[in-house]
Amino acid sequence: MCLSIPGKVVEITAELDEVFRIGKISFDGLMKEVNLSMVPEAKVGDYVLVHVGAAIGIIDEEEAKKTFDLLKKMGDLEDEDFKNWTEKEDV
């Protein structure tokens, strides 16, 4: 099974051209740089689904928050692998 995690685009950190971009994504305050090439229309403030370091789709804020809340309830966001994948940072 593949899992994608919803996160909010807080900054575009690199832009080689209009397709190849890297963005800083907030996962409820945990930050990670993510490849945005598969969602060239993504902009700061959008919510994206992230799978293995790449944003694979854009979703609305309500759906992102519902999904994130479910992951919290399941305890998946307390997993050491998830914590090691991200760095704590104030947004």
Protein backbone atom coordinates (compact mmCIF):
# COMPACT_ATOMS: atom_id res chain seq x y z
CA MET A 1 0.00 0.00 0.00
CA CYS A 2 1.23 3.49 -0.81
CA LEU A 3 0.54 6.40 1.47
CA SER A 4 0.63 10.07 0.67
CA ILE A 5 0.65 12.72 3.38
CA PRO A 6 -1.11 16.08 3.00
CA GLY A 7 0.96 19.20 3.56
CA LYS A 8 0.78 22.93 2.92
CA VAL A 9 3.12 24.69 0.49
CA VAL A 10 4.72 27.49 2.52
CA GLU A 11 7.49 28.52 0.13
CA ILE A 12 8.91 27.78 -3.32
CA THR A 13 12.60 27.31 -2.56
CA ALA A 14 14.00 26.52 -6.02
CA GLU A 15 12.72 27.05 -9.55
CA LEU A 16 14.83 25.83 -12.46
CA ASP A 17 11.97 26.50 -14.89
CA GLU A 18 8.16 26.57 -14.78
CA VAL A 19 8.01 22.78 -14.23
CA PHE A 20 11.02 21.83 -12.08
CA ARG A 21 10.45 23.40 -8.68
CA ILE A 22 11.16 22.51 -5.07
CA GLY A 23 8.94 23.74 -2.27
CA LYS A 24 9.01 23.83 1.51
CA ILE A 25 5.98 21.90 2.78
CA SER A 26 4.52 22.09 6.29
CA PHE A 27 3.12 18.92 7.80
CA ASP A 28 1.44 20.55 10.81
CA GLY A 29 4.66 22.44 11.60
CA LEU A 30 7.07 19.69 10.56
CA MET A 31 8.92 20.97 7.48
CA LYS A 32 10.30 19.15 4.45
CA GLU A 33 11.51 20.19 1.00
CA VAL A 34 9.50 18.40 -1.68
CA ASN A 35 9.72 18.10 -5.46
CA LEU A 36 6.78 19.96 -7.08
CA SER A 37 7.40 18.85 -10.69
CA MET A 38 4.26 16.69 -10.83
CA VAL A 39 2.07 19.63 -9.71
CA PRO A 40 3.40 22.60 -11.69
CA GLU A 41 0.25 24.58 -10.89
CA ALA A 42 0.85 24.35 -7.09
CA LYS A 43 1.42 27.68 -5.38
CA VAL A 44 2.13 28.94 -1.87
CA GLY A 45 -0.91 28.26 0.31
CA ASP A 46 -2.03 25.15 -1.61
CA TYR A 47 -2.30 21.75 0.02
CA VAL A 48 -0.54 18.89 -1.75
CA LEU A 49 -0.35 15.13 -1.29
CA VAL A 50 3.27 14.03 -0.82
CA HIS A 51 4.57 10.54 -1.56
CA VAL A 52 8.26 9.64 -1.25
CA GLY A 53 9.43 13.23 -1.49
CA ALA A 54 7.27 14.32 -4.41
CA ALA A 55 3.96 16.16 -4.44
CA ILE A 56 1.60 14.03 -6.54
CA GLY A 57 -1.60 16.05 -6.37
CA ILE A 58 -3.35 19.13 -5.02
CA ILE A 59 -6.26 18.80 -2.59
CA ASP A 60 -8.49 21.30 -0.83
CA GLU A 61 -7.77 22.46 2.72
CA GLU A 62 -10.74 20.67 4.28
CA GLU A 63 -9.75 17.29 2.83
CA ALA A 64 -6.11 17.84 3.83
CA LYS A 65 -7.07 18.61 7.43
CA LYS A 66 -9.44 15.62 7.65
CA THR A 67 -6.74 13.28 6.35
CA PHE A 68 -4.07 14.74 8.64
CA ASP A 69 -6.39 14.43 11.66
CA LEU A 70 -7.02 10.75 10.84
CA LEU A 71 -3.27 10.10 10.56
CA LYS A 72 -2.79 11.76 13.96
CA LYS A 73 -5.50 9.60 15.53
CA MET A 74 -3.90 6.47 14.08
CA GLY A 75 -0.57 7.52 15.58
CA ASP A 76 1.22 7.41 12.25
CA LEU A 77 2.63 10.90 12.76
CA GLU A 78 4.30 9.83 16.00
CA ASP A 79 6.35 7.22 14.15
CA GLU A 80 10.12 7.80 14.39
CA ASP A 81 10.53 7.33 10.62
CA PHE A 82 8.12 10.22 10.00
CA LYS A 83 9.83 12.42 12.57
CA ASN A 84 13.26 11.67 11.10
CA TRP A 85 11.96 12.50 7.61
CA THR A 86 10.98 15.98 8.69
CA GLU A 87 12.51 18.72 10.82
CA LYS A 88 10.62 20.69 13.43
CA GLU A 89 10.31 24.34 12.49
CA ASP A 90 7.94 27.17 13.31
CA VAL A 91 5.66 28.24 10.47
